[in-house]
Each structure stands twice: as structure tokens, then as C-alpha cells.
């Protein structure tokens, strides 16, 4: 064997030993990582626990009743459920259904109200169709979500909250397919033709 072959075999052995050591070190890192995380208290990456909302008061519930109305608006509007029992601080989503009964597009804006009135201070909407004007095409039906949370500081004597929406037509929003009646030339001048 010549010197080059001997040098190559030595290098091969060294590289093999290094590779085995690297594999062993990587394999041993997992238990070391777990021990270090437990000692430092940062072992939350190793837990498969679901994150929970710590603001939820599990000891108290309130009944939310849902109501829907329209004011001079040709829409069918209703909640998809009449009531729901929720924990204070719990994030909840409900839906309302609306349908335009006219053959033309119509726009409306929903205004919320609460019963009792003081509940409005504790009822926090995170997302609501009432935030923007809603336009429905002719005979269109739509599901509209409301995402809310009831503040845990709600007075203890309030056990039922009614959330009511009233839709009002937005002025000038109705598009008509009928043209304005033609004005005769004589009427325009104020005389007869």
C-alpha cells in the first residue's frame, strides 16, 4: 500500500468517526432539549394543549335572545336561531338571514338595540353586518354573521340579553327598471303644443 492509500484510509476513519459522533449528538439533543425546556419553564412547545381564552368566566352564563325587524323595507329578515346560552367572555358567532323580496336591488343599514339598555355597554361586537350598508340584488338571499363577546363585568342581575336589529332602507338605494315618464315639449315650456 502506498502512502496516498494509507492517508486516504486514515481520513476515511476520521470522517466516519465524525459522522457517527454528529449523529449521536443530534440524537441526544432531543432529551437534552426536553430537560432544558423543563428547567427553564419554556416547555410549551412540547405540550399539545389547546390554547384557551383565559377571559371566559366558566362559572356564569347568560342567555342571548335574537330579534330581527325591518322598517318600511321589503326584506324578510330573521335570526337563524332564537336564543343561545353563552359564558361571559366567550367569543360567539351567530347568523342572521335576509332576503330581498323585490325585483330590484335594495340597500339597507341595520341598527342594533339591546334589552336591557345597559347591556349595550357590555356587548362587544367583533364583526357585524351592521357595520356597513348591505345591498341585496333582486330576490337575493344572504347569511350575515355577527361575532360578539359579552364582557365578564356584566352586572350579576342581568341574566338575559336581547340583541335586536332593525333594518332601514338607505335613501335613494332602490334601483328601478322603469324610466321616468316622458315630458311633453309643451309641458316643459309651460304651455301647450
Protein backbone atom coordinates (compact mmCIF):
# COMPACT_ATOMS: atom_id res chain seq x y z
CA UNK A 1 0.00 0.00 0.00
CA UNK A 2 1.38 3.35 -0.90
CA UNK A 3 1.38 6.46 1.23
CA UNK A 4 -1.62 8.02 -0.57
CA UNK A 5 -3.80 4.97 0.16
CA UNK A 6 -2.77 4.93 3.83
CA UNK A 7 -3.58 8.66 4.14
CA UNK A 8 -6.95 8.12 2.46
CA UNK A 9 -7.85 5.27 4.88
CA UNK A 10 -6.91 7.43 7.91
CA UNK A 11 -9.03 10.28 6.55
CA UNK A 12 -11.91 7.85 5.90
CA UNK A 13 -11.79 6.57 9.50
CA UNK A 14 -11.70 10.12 10.88
CA UNK A 15 -14.66 11.17 8.72
CA UNK A 16 -16.58 8.04 9.79
CA UNK A 17 -15.92 8.76 13.49
CA UNK A 18 -17.00 12.42 12.99
CA UNK A 19 -20.20 11.31 11.20
CA UNK A 20 -21.06 8.83 13.99
CA UNK A 21 -20.39 11.49 16.65
CA UNK A 22 -22.58 14.04 14.81
CA UNK A 23 -25.43 11.51 14.55
CA UNK A 24 -25.10 10.62 18.23
CA UNK A 25 -25.05 14.31 19.23
CA UNK A 26 -28.17 15.05 17.14
CA UNK A 27 -29.94 12.02 18.60
CA UNK A 28 -29.04 13.10 22.16
CA UNK A 29 -30.25 16.68 21.59
CA UNK A 30 -33.92 15.72 21.88
CA UNK A 31 -33.75 14.55 25.52
CA UNK A 32 -31.36 17.42 26.35
CA UNK A 33 -33.79 19.90 24.80
CA UNK A 34 -36.69 18.48 26.84
CA UNK A 35 -34.64 18.70 30.07
CA UNK A 36 -33.52 22.27 29.33
CA UNK A 37 -37.10 23.31 28.49
CA UNK A 38 -38.43 21.80 31.73
CA UNK A 39 -35.72 23.51 33.78
CA UNK A 40 -36.29 26.91 32.19
CA UNK A 41 -40.10 26.58 32.17
CA UNK A 42 -40.30 27.09 28.43
CA UNK A 43 -41.60 23.64 27.60
CA UNK A 44 -44.78 24.96 25.97
CA UNK A 45 -43.51 23.73 22.59
CA UNK A 46 -43.64 20.17 23.83
CA UNK A 47 -47.25 20.29 25.03
CA UNK A 48 -50.14 19.55 22.73
CA UNK A 49 -52.61 21.54 24.86
CA UNK A 50 -55.19 23.66 23.13
CA UNK A 51 -54.87 27.38 23.76
CA UNK A 52 -57.78 28.59 25.85
CA UNK A 53 -59.28 32.02 26.28
CA UNK A 54 -58.50 32.89 29.90
CA UNK A 55 -61.07 35.72 29.85
CA UNK A 56 -64.01 33.27 29.78
CA UNK A 57 -65.95 33.13 33.05
CA UNK A 58 -66.94 29.44 33.16
CA UNK A 59 -68.91 29.98 36.37
CA UNK A 60 -71.51 32.26 34.76
CA UNK A 61 -73.75 32.08 31.71
CA UNK A 62 -76.19 34.48 30.14
CA UNK A 63 -78.99 33.83 27.65
CA UNK A 64 -78.80 35.87 24.46
CA UNK A 65 -82.11 36.26 22.62
CA UNK A 66 -82.08 37.34 18.97
CA UNK A 67 -84.66 39.55 17.28
CA UNK A 68 -84.95 40.98 13.75
CA UNK A 69 -87.14 43.73 12.29
CA UNK A 70 -87.42 45.87 9.18
CA UNK A 71 -88.75 49.40 8.87
CA UNK A 72 -90.52 50.12 5.56
CA UNK A 73 -88.20 47.67 3.82
CA UNK A 74 -89.37 44.77 1.64
CA UNK A 75 -86.93 42.27 3.14
CA UNK A 76 -87.53 39.07 5.06
CA UNK A 77 -85.09 39.28 7.96
CA UNK A 78 -84.67 36.80 10.82
CA UNK A 79 -82.06 35.22 13.09
CA UNK A 80 -81.13 31.61 12.29
CA UNK A 81 -81.64 30.77 15.99
CA UNK A 82 -83.88 32.40 18.58
CA UNK A 83 -81.57 32.22 21.59
CA UNK A 84 -78.24 30.92 22.81
CA UNK A 85 -76.66 30.38 26.23
CA UNK A 86 -73.07 31.68 26.43
CA UNK A 87 -70.35 32.09 29.04
CA UNK A 88 -69.25 35.64 29.74
CA UNK A 89 -66.02 36.39 27.86
CA UNK A 90 -66.68 33.64 25.30
CA UNK A 91 -66.36 34.57 21.62
CA UNK A 92 -69.57 33.60 19.83
CA UNK A 93 -70.73 33.70 16.21
CA UNK A 94 -74.37 33.70 15.14
CA UNK A 95 -76.00 34.37 11.79
CA UNK A 96 -78.99 36.27 10.53
CA UNK A 97 -80.72 35.53 7.24
CA UNK A 98 -82.08 38.22 4.97
CA UNK A 99 -83.90 38.09 1.63
CA UNK A 100 -84.84 40.92 -0.71
CA UNK A 101 -88.45 40.31 -1.80
CA UNK A 102 -88.35 42.97 -4.51
CA UNK A 103 -87.41 42.53 -8.15
CA UNK A 104 -84.85 45.34 -7.90
CA UNK A 105 -81.68 45.80 -5.84
CA UNK A 106 -82.20 47.45 -2.46
CA UNK A 107 -79.72 48.71 0.15
CA UNK A 108 -80.28 48.80 3.87
CA UNK A 109 -78.48 49.55 7.10
CA UNK A 110 -79.07 47.63 10.33
CA UNK A 111 -79.25 49.41 13.67
CA UNK A 112 -78.74 47.31 16.82
CA UNK A 113 -80.55 47.73 20.13
CA UNK A 114 -80.27 45.87 23.41
CA UNK A 115 -82.58 44.85 26.18
CA UNK A 116 -81.99 45.80 28.89
CA UNK A 117 -80.47 49.00 27.53
CA UNK A 118 -77.49 48.87 29.92
CA UNK A 119 -76.39 45.57 28.30
CA UNK A 120 -75.17 47.55 25.27
CA UNK A 121 -72.14 48.67 27.30
CA UNK A 122 -71.11 45.05 27.88
CA UNK A 123 -71.93 43.62 24.45
CA UNK A 124 -68.83 43.84 22.24
CA UNK A 125 -69.28 43.08 18.53
CA UNK A 126 -66.07 41.99 16.81
CA UNK A 127 -67.68 41.60 13.38
CA UNK A 128 -71.18 42.55 12.33
CA UNK A 129 -73.22 43.14 9.19
CA UNK A 130 -74.45 46.29 10.92
CA UNK A 131 -71.04 47.94 10.47
CA UNK A 132 -71.69 48.56 6.76
CA UNK A 133 -74.53 49.17 4.33
CA UNK A 134 -75.91 45.92 2.87
CA UNK A 135 -77.07 45.77 -0.74
CA UNK A 136 -79.13 42.83 -1.93
CA UNK A 137 -79.80 42.10 -5.58
CA UNK A 138 -83.33 41.35 -6.72
CA UNK A 139 -84.66 38.37 -4.73
CA UNK A 140 -81.19 37.72 -3.25
CA UNK A 141 -80.87 35.73 0.00
CA UNK A 142 -77.85 36.19 2.28
CA UNK A 143 -76.46 34.77 5.54
CA UNK A 144 -74.87 37.51 7.64
CA UNK A 145 -72.64 36.75 10.65
CA UNK A 146 -72.33 38.54 13.96
CA UNK A 147 -69.28 37.77 16.13
CA UNK A 148 -69.52 39.04 19.69
CA UNK A 149 -68.39 38.63 23.27
CA UNK A 150 -70.24 39.62 26.45
CA UNK A 151 -67.91 41.39 28.87
CA UNK A 152 -67.41 39.45 32.14
CA UNK A 153 -68.07 42.65 34.10
CA UNK A 154 -71.77 42.47 33.13
CA UNK A 155 -73.83 43.16 36.29
CA UNK A 156 -74.80 39.95 38.09
CA UNK A 157 -78.52 40.74 37.99
CA UNK A 158 -78.54 40.60 34.14
CA UNK A 159 -79.20 37.00 33.07
CA UNK A 160 -80.89 37.59 29.70
CA UNK A 161 -79.85 40.00 26.93
CA UNK A 162 -81.94 40.63 23.84
CA UNK A 163 -80.00 41.65 20.73
CA UNK A 164 -82.37 43.23 18.24
CA UNK A 165 -81.59 44.57 14.77
CA UNK A 166 -83.83 46.80 12.69
CA UNK A 167 -83.01 47.23 9.00
CA UNK A 168 -83.82 50.61 7.44
CA UNK A 169 -83.72 51.27 3.72
CA UNK A 170 -80.88 53.58 2.72
CA UNK A 171 -82.46 56.55 0.89
CA UNK A 172 -82.08 56.50 -2.87
CA UNK A 173 -80.75 52.96 -2.88
CA UNK A 174 -83.56 51.32 -4.82
CA UNK A 175 -82.70 50.91 -8.47
CA UNK A 176 -85.73 50.85 -10.73
CA UNK A 177 -86.06 49.43 -14.18
CA UNK A 178 -88.84 51.84 -15.07
CA UNK A 179 -87.94 55.03 -16.87
CA UNK A 180 -89.36 58.35 -15.73
CA UNK A 181 -92.45 59.30 -17.73
CA UNK A 182 -91.55 61.32 -20.79
CA UNK A 183 -92.22 65.03 -20.53
CA UNK A 184 -94.09 66.55 -23.43
CA UNK A 185 -92.44 69.51 -25.11
CA UNK A 186 -95.36 71.79 -24.33
CA UNK A 187 -95.29 70.88 -20.63
CA UNK A 188 -91.59 71.65 -20.46
CA UNK A 189 -92.18 75.20 -21.66
CA UNK A 190 -95.23 75.58 -19.51
CA UNK A 191 -97.56 75.94 -22.47
CA UNK A 192 -99.47 73.66 -24.78
CA UNK A 193 -98.14 72.27 -28.05
